[in-house]
N, C-alpha and C. Protein backbone atom coordinates (compact mmCIF):
# COMPACT_ATOMS: atom_id res chain seq x y z
N MET A 1 43.10 66.72 150.94
CA MET A 1 41.75 65.68 150.55
C MET A 1 41.17 66.77 150.36
N SER A 2 40.45 66.41 149.39
CA SER A 2 38.92 67.13 148.96
C SER A 2 37.81 67.17 149.72
N ALA A 3 36.98 68.12 149.35
CA ALA A 3 35.95 68.39 150.14
C ALA A 3 35.32 67.65 149.92
N ASP A 4 35.42 66.75 149.16
CA ASP A 4 33.62 65.29 149.28
C ASP A 4 34.65 63.86 149.93
N VAL A 5 35.30 63.89 150.60
CA VAL A 5 36.01 62.94 150.80
C VAL A 5 35.85 63.42 152.45
N GLU A 6 35.14 62.12 153.32
CA GLU A 6 35.20 62.55 154.96
C GLU A 6 36.06 62.34 155.73
N ARG A 7 36.22 63.69 156.14
CA ARG A 7 37.86 64.47 157.00
C ARG A 7 38.29 63.40 158.23
N GLU A 8 38.98 62.68 158.88
CA GLU A 8 39.40 62.20 159.57
C GLU A 8 39.27 63.10 160.83
N ARG A 9 39.04 62.63 162.18
CA ARG A 9 38.68 62.93 162.96
C ARG A 9 40.06 62.66 164.33
N TRP A 10 40.38 63.44 164.91
CA TRP A 10 41.48 63.18 166.04
C TRP A 10 40.81 63.44 167.36
N GLU A 11 41.35 63.40 168.18
CA GLU A 11 41.27 64.07 169.62
C GLU A 11 42.58 64.65 169.93
N LEU A 12 42.47 65.69 170.80
CA LEU A 12 43.34 66.74 171.40
C LEU A 12 44.17 65.95 172.43
N ARG A 13 44.47 65.86 172.89
CA ARG A 13 44.90 65.06 174.46
C ARG A 13 46.09 66.09 175.15
N THR A 14 45.38 67.62 175.58
CA THR A 14 46.24 68.40 176.41
C THR A 14 47.97 67.37 176.97
N GLY A 15 49.19 68.11 176.51
CA GLY A 15 50.25 67.68 176.71
C GLY A 15 50.84 66.66 176.54
N GLU A 16 50.26 65.82 175.43
CA GLU A 16 50.66 64.31 175.21
C GLU A 16 50.90 64.01 173.70
N GLY A 17 49.42 64.90 172.56
CA GLY A 17 49.36 64.75 171.45
C GLY A 17 48.50 64.58 170.92
N VAL A 18 48.66 64.84 169.49
CA VAL A 18 46.87 65.24 168.93
C VAL A 18 46.89 63.65 167.90
N GLY A 19 45.67 63.20 167.71
CA GLY A 19 45.08 61.98 166.93
C GLY A 19 45.94 61.30 166.73
N PRO A 20 47.29 60.58 166.30
CA PRO A 20 47.88 59.12 166.34
C PRO A 20 49.79 59.71 167.16
N LEU A 21 49.71 60.83 166.49
CA LEU A 21 51.28 61.54 166.96
C LEU A 21 51.20 62.09 168.84
N LYS A 22 52.43 61.46 169.08
CA LYS A 22 52.84 62.01 170.19
C LYS A 22 53.71 62.63 170.37
N PHE A 23 53.75 64.07 171.59
CA PHE A 23 55.05 64.55 171.74
C PHE A 23 56.45 63.35 172.15
N GLY A 24 57.51 63.67 171.57
CA GLY A 24 58.29 63.37 171.38
C GLY A 24 59.08 62.34 171.00
N MET A 25 58.58 62.32 169.79
CA MET A 25 58.32 61.08 168.21
C MET A 25 59.64 61.00 167.80
N SER A 26 59.61 60.31 166.93
CA SER A 26 61.26 60.81 166.34
C SER A 26 60.14 61.13 164.22
N PRO A 27 60.67 61.67 164.03
CA PRO A 27 60.76 61.95 162.43
C PRO A 27 60.30 60.64 161.63
N ALA A 28 61.32 60.11 162.16
CA ALA A 28 60.71 58.19 161.57
C ALA A 28 59.42 57.98 162.20
N GLU A 29 59.73 58.36 163.08
CA GLU A 29 57.73 57.56 164.27
C GLU A 29 56.41 58.28 163.72
N VAL A 30 56.86 59.68 163.79
CA VAL A 30 55.54 60.80 163.13
C VAL A 30 55.18 60.02 161.92
N ALA A 31 55.96 59.76 160.77
CA ALA A 31 56.13 59.23 159.07
C ALA A 31 55.36 57.80 159.25
N ASP A 32 55.63 57.32 160.71
CA ASP A 32 54.92 55.39 160.56
C ASP A 32 53.49 56.15 161.16
N ALA A 33 53.97 56.71 161.84
CA ALA A 33 52.09 57.21 162.84
C ALA A 33 50.97 56.85 162.01
N LEU A 34 51.83 58.61 160.75
CA LEU A 34 50.69 59.15 159.67
C LEU A 34 50.47 57.49 158.51
N LEU A 35 51.65 56.73 158.78
CA LEU A 35 50.98 55.91 157.15
C LEU A 35 51.59 56.35 156.02
N VAL A 36 53.29 56.98 156.49
CA VAL A 36 53.44 57.94 154.91
C VAL A 36 54.83 57.13 155.11
N SER A 37 55.88 57.60 153.96
CA SER A 37 57.26 57.04 153.72
C SER A 37 57.79 57.85 154.62
N GLY A 38 57.51 59.10 154.77
CA GLY A 38 58.08 60.69 155.12
C GLY A 38 57.31 61.76 154.53
N PRO A 39 57.97 62.68 155.23
CA PRO A 39 57.34 64.14 154.44
C PRO A 39 57.14 64.71 153.28
N LEU A 40 56.02 65.47 152.94
CA LEU A 40 56.54 66.01 151.49
C LEU A 40 57.50 67.18 151.12
N VAL A 41 57.76 68.01 152.55
CA VAL A 41 58.97 69.32 152.33
C VAL A 41 59.14 68.65 154.08
N ARG A 42 60.42 69.45 153.75
CA ARG A 42 61.39 69.02 155.45
C ARG A 42 62.42 70.92 155.25
N VAL A 43 61.69 71.40 156.01
CA VAL A 43 62.28 73.24 156.29
C VAL A 43 62.89 73.21 157.25
N GLY A 44 64.10 73.74 157.18
CA GLY A 44 65.05 73.78 158.26
C GLY A 44 64.43 75.14 159.54
N GLY A 45 65.46 75.52 160.40
CA GLY A 45 64.83 76.96 160.58
C GLY A 45 65.31 76.51 162.93
N LEU A 46 64.92 77.53 163.22
CA LEU A 46 65.27 77.15 164.62
C LEU A 46 64.00 75.90 165.40
N TYR A 47 62.99 75.70 164.78
CA TYR A 47 62.27 74.00 165.15
C TYR A 47 62.53 73.61 163.51
N GLU A 48 62.89 72.63 163.18
CA GLU A 48 62.77 71.67 161.85
C GLU A 48 61.20 71.28 161.64
N GLN A 49 61.27 71.72 160.46
CA GLN A 49 59.38 71.31 160.03
C GLN A 49 59.27 70.36 158.90
N GLU A 50 58.57 69.61 159.58
CA GLU A 50 58.09 69.16 158.31
C GLU A 50 57.00 68.81 157.60
N ASP A 51 56.74 68.83 156.88
CA ASP A 51 54.81 68.59 156.06
C ASP A 51 54.35 67.27 155.57
N PHE A 52 53.18 67.36 155.61
CA PHE A 52 52.35 66.10 155.30
C PHE A 52 51.57 65.99 154.68
N PRO A 53 50.88 65.45 153.85
CA PRO A 53 49.86 65.28 152.67
C PRO A 53 48.45 64.63 154.40
N ASP A 54 47.50 66.16 153.42
CA ASP A 54 46.42 66.67 154.42
C ASP A 54 46.51 67.38 155.19
N GLY A 55 47.12 68.67 155.38
CA GLY A 55 47.64 69.99 155.94
C GLY A 55 47.97 69.86 156.94
N VAL A 56 48.98 68.24 157.04
CA VAL A 56 49.73 68.04 158.72
C VAL A 56 50.96 68.01 158.55
N LYS A 57 51.43 69.05 159.26
CA LYS A 57 52.76 70.26 159.34
C LYS A 57 53.93 69.43 160.80
N ALA A 58 53.92 68.76 161.19
CA ALA A 58 55.44 68.47 162.06
C ALA A 58 56.07 69.79 162.26
N PHE A 59 56.57 70.00 163.73
CA PHE A 59 57.47 70.48 163.73
C PHE A 59 58.30 69.94 165.25
N TYR A 60 59.86 70.16 164.78
CA TYR A 60 60.53 68.98 166.35
C TYR A 60 61.58 70.18 166.55
N ASP A 61 62.22 70.01 167.87
CA ASP A 61 62.52 70.77 168.77
C ASP A 61 63.70 69.10 169.54
N ALA A 62 65.31 69.70 168.51
CA ALA A 62 66.10 68.47 169.61
C ALA A 62 65.67 67.48 168.81
N GLY A 63 64.96 67.53 167.41
CA GLY A 63 64.96 66.04 167.39
C GLY A 63 63.60 65.37 167.36
N LYS A 64 62.93 65.58 168.92
CA LYS A 64 61.78 65.39 168.60
C LYS A 64 60.28 66.14 168.41
N LEU A 65 59.42 65.35 168.13
CA LEU A 65 58.02 66.23 168.14
C LEU A 65 57.52 67.10 169.22
N ALA A 66 57.37 68.10 168.77
CA ALA A 66 57.26 69.30 169.87
C ALA A 66 55.44 70.12 169.48
N CYS A 67 55.47 70.07 168.16
CA CYS A 67 54.52 70.67 168.42
C CYS A 67 53.86 70.60 166.99
N VAL A 68 52.31 70.40 166.60
CA VAL A 68 51.42 69.50 165.77
C VAL A 68 50.61 70.43 164.79
N ALA A 69 51.27 71.18 163.59
CA ALA A 69 49.79 72.40 162.96
C ALA A 69 49.19 71.54 162.57
N LEU A 70 47.57 71.94 162.37
CA LEU A 70 46.61 70.97 161.24
C LEU A 70 45.71 72.32 160.41
N ASP A 71 45.63 72.53 158.78
CA ASP A 71 45.00 72.97 158.30
C ASP A 71 43.50 73.10 158.40
N ALA A 72 43.05 74.12 158.75
CA ALA A 72 41.58 73.65 159.44
C ALA A 72 40.33 73.02 158.59
N VAL A 73 41.13 73.11 157.65
CA VAL A 73 39.71 73.24 156.13
C VAL A 73 40.76 71.63 155.59
N THR A 74 41.65 71.64 155.52
CA THR A 74 41.76 70.21 154.70
C THR A 74 42.52 69.50 155.47
N GLY A 75 42.87 69.48 156.43
CA GLY A 75 43.42 68.57 157.61
C GLY A 75 42.36 67.76 157.87
N PRO A 76 43.36 66.77 159.10
CA PRO A 76 41.90 66.02 160.46
C PRO A 76 41.25 67.33 161.24
N GLN A 77 40.04 66.80 161.44
CA GLN A 77 38.88 67.72 162.45
C GLN A 77 39.51 67.06 163.29
N VAL A 78 40.24 68.17 164.41
CA VAL A 78 40.30 68.00 166.08
C VAL A 78 39.68 68.52 167.05
N PHE A 79 39.48 67.64 167.79
CA PHE A 79 38.35 67.54 169.10
C PHE A 79 38.92 67.98 170.57
N LEU A 80 38.30 68.36 171.63
CA LEU A 80 39.34 68.40 172.81
C LEU A 80 38.21 67.67 173.77
N ALA A 81 37.63 67.39 173.75
CA ALA A 81 36.42 66.39 175.08
C ALA A 81 35.31 66.14 174.10
N GLY A 82 35.41 66.01 172.73
CA GLY A 82 34.45 65.89 172.14
C GLY A 82 33.89 67.06 170.92
N PHE A 83 34.23 68.32 171.29
CA PHE A 83 33.89 69.14 170.95
C PHE A 83 34.54 70.13 169.88
N PRO A 84 34.55 69.83 168.85
CA PRO A 84 35.20 70.48 167.56
C PRO A 84 35.96 71.49 167.99
N LEU A 85 36.85 72.27 167.37
CA LEU A 85 37.62 72.75 167.59
C LEU A 85 37.82 74.20 166.42
N ALA A 86 37.94 73.16 165.32
CA ALA A 86 37.48 73.94 164.11
C ALA A 86 36.14 73.85 163.74
N GLY A 87 35.33 74.95 163.27
CA GLY A 87 34.22 75.79 162.40
C GLY A 87 32.99 75.82 163.89
N SER A 88 33.05 75.47 164.28
CA SER A 88 32.04 75.79 165.25
C SER A 88 31.81 77.55 165.63
N ASP A 89 31.16 77.60 166.25
CA ASP A 89 30.76 79.13 166.96
C ASP A 89 31.65 79.12 167.79
N PRO A 90 32.83 80.47 167.27
CA PRO A 90 33.15 81.51 168.27
C PRO A 90 33.54 81.38 169.72
N VAL A 91 31.73 81.85 169.86
CA VAL A 91 31.66 82.30 171.08
C VAL A 91 31.46 80.92 172.17
N GLN A 92 30.95 80.03 171.29
CA GLN A 92 30.95 78.50 172.29
C GLN A 92 32.33 78.02 172.15
N GLY A 93 33.08 77.85 171.03
CA GLY A 93 34.10 77.29 171.60
C GLY A 93 34.51 78.38 172.48
N HIS A 94 35.13 79.56 172.69
CA HIS A 94 35.10 80.54 173.59
C HIS A 94 35.31 79.91 175.13
N GLN A 95 33.96 79.99 175.27
CA GLN A 95 33.38 79.23 176.14
C GLN A 95 33.35 77.96 176.68
N PHE A 96 33.77 77.35 175.70
CA PHE A 96 34.07 75.93 176.27
C PHE A 96 35.28 75.91 176.72
N LEU A 97 36.81 76.64 175.72
CA LEU A 97 37.74 76.55 176.36
C LEU A 97 37.98 77.11 177.42
N LEU A 98 36.93 78.13 177.89
CA LEU A 98 37.82 78.85 179.29
C LEU A 98 37.12 77.63 180.15
N ASP A 99 36.63 77.12 180.13
CA ASP A 99 35.08 76.16 180.76
C ASP A 99 36.48 74.78 180.87
N HIS A 100 37.14 74.21 180.17
CA HIS A 100 37.35 73.25 179.87
C HIS A 100 38.83 73.30 180.95
N ALA A 101 39.35 74.42 180.35
CA ALA A 101 41.10 74.56 181.36
C ALA A 101 40.29 74.80 182.71
N ALA A 102 39.15 75.87 183.16
CA ALA A 102 38.78 75.57 184.53
C ALA A 102 39.04 74.19 184.95
N GLU A 103 38.54 73.17 184.54
CA GLU A 103 37.67 72.20 185.29
C GLU A 103 39.55 71.44 184.99
N HIS A 104 39.92 71.60 184.10
CA HIS A 104 41.27 70.51 184.01
C HIS A 104 42.76 71.59 184.62
N GLY A 105 41.99 72.57 185.18
CA GLY A 105 43.30 73.00 186.29
C GLY A 105 43.71 73.62 185.07
N ASN A 106 43.95 73.97 183.70
CA ASN A 106 44.45 74.45 182.33
C ASN A 106 44.45 76.20 182.74
N TRP A 107 45.16 76.53 181.33
CA TRP A 107 45.17 78.18 181.73
C TRP A 107 44.97 78.43 179.61
N PHE A 108 44.88 78.97 178.90
CA PHE A 108 44.75 80.25 178.10
C PHE A 108 44.98 81.67 178.03
N PHE A 109 45.71 82.02 177.21
CA PHE A 109 45.13 83.59 177.11
C PHE A 109 44.56 84.30 176.07
N THR A 110 44.12 84.93 176.40
CA THR A 110 42.86 85.28 176.10
C THR A 110 42.81 86.49 175.01
N PRO A 111 43.14 87.30 174.32
CA PRO A 111 43.58 89.16 174.35
C PRO A 111 42.53 89.49 175.04
N LEU A 112 42.43 90.63 175.04
CA LEU A 112 42.01 91.13 175.30
C LEU A 112 41.00 92.15 174.56
N THR A 113 41.50 91.79 173.27
CA THR A 113 40.96 92.43 172.33
C THR A 113 40.96 91.49 171.01
N SER A 114 39.69 92.14 169.58
CA SER A 114 39.79 90.80 168.65
C SER A 114 40.45 91.48 167.56
N HIS A 115 40.11 92.89 167.96
CA HIS A 115 40.84 93.66 167.57
C HIS A 115 42.37 94.17 166.96
N PHE A 116 42.75 93.86 165.66
CA PHE A 116 44.58 94.09 165.31
C PHE A 116 44.91 95.52 164.52
N PRO A 117 45.66 96.08 165.05
CA PRO A 117 45.89 97.73 164.22
C PRO A 117 46.19 96.85 162.85
């Protein structure tokens, strides 16, 4: 996806999926949802991985969609409850995630320090 093209906007649905993708989909259902005939690349390993156009990566556990990774620059822009998860102020994002987790009974891990050796 080039910089001059409007990026797709996908909503993250906690525990359900993101954009048109729903956890538990088969590889064929993922390709159908992305409106492509199949992935650009397949990678084996502990979790089967398929790489699709525009920075979308799908990971499968036992043949079912278990995780989605999106390129923050070229992939769809992802929102959680209307808040952009990439490209926003890190302090605002951190506070949004804390507030969202508290409101919805979720949790997330935040490291004690942002500096790693």
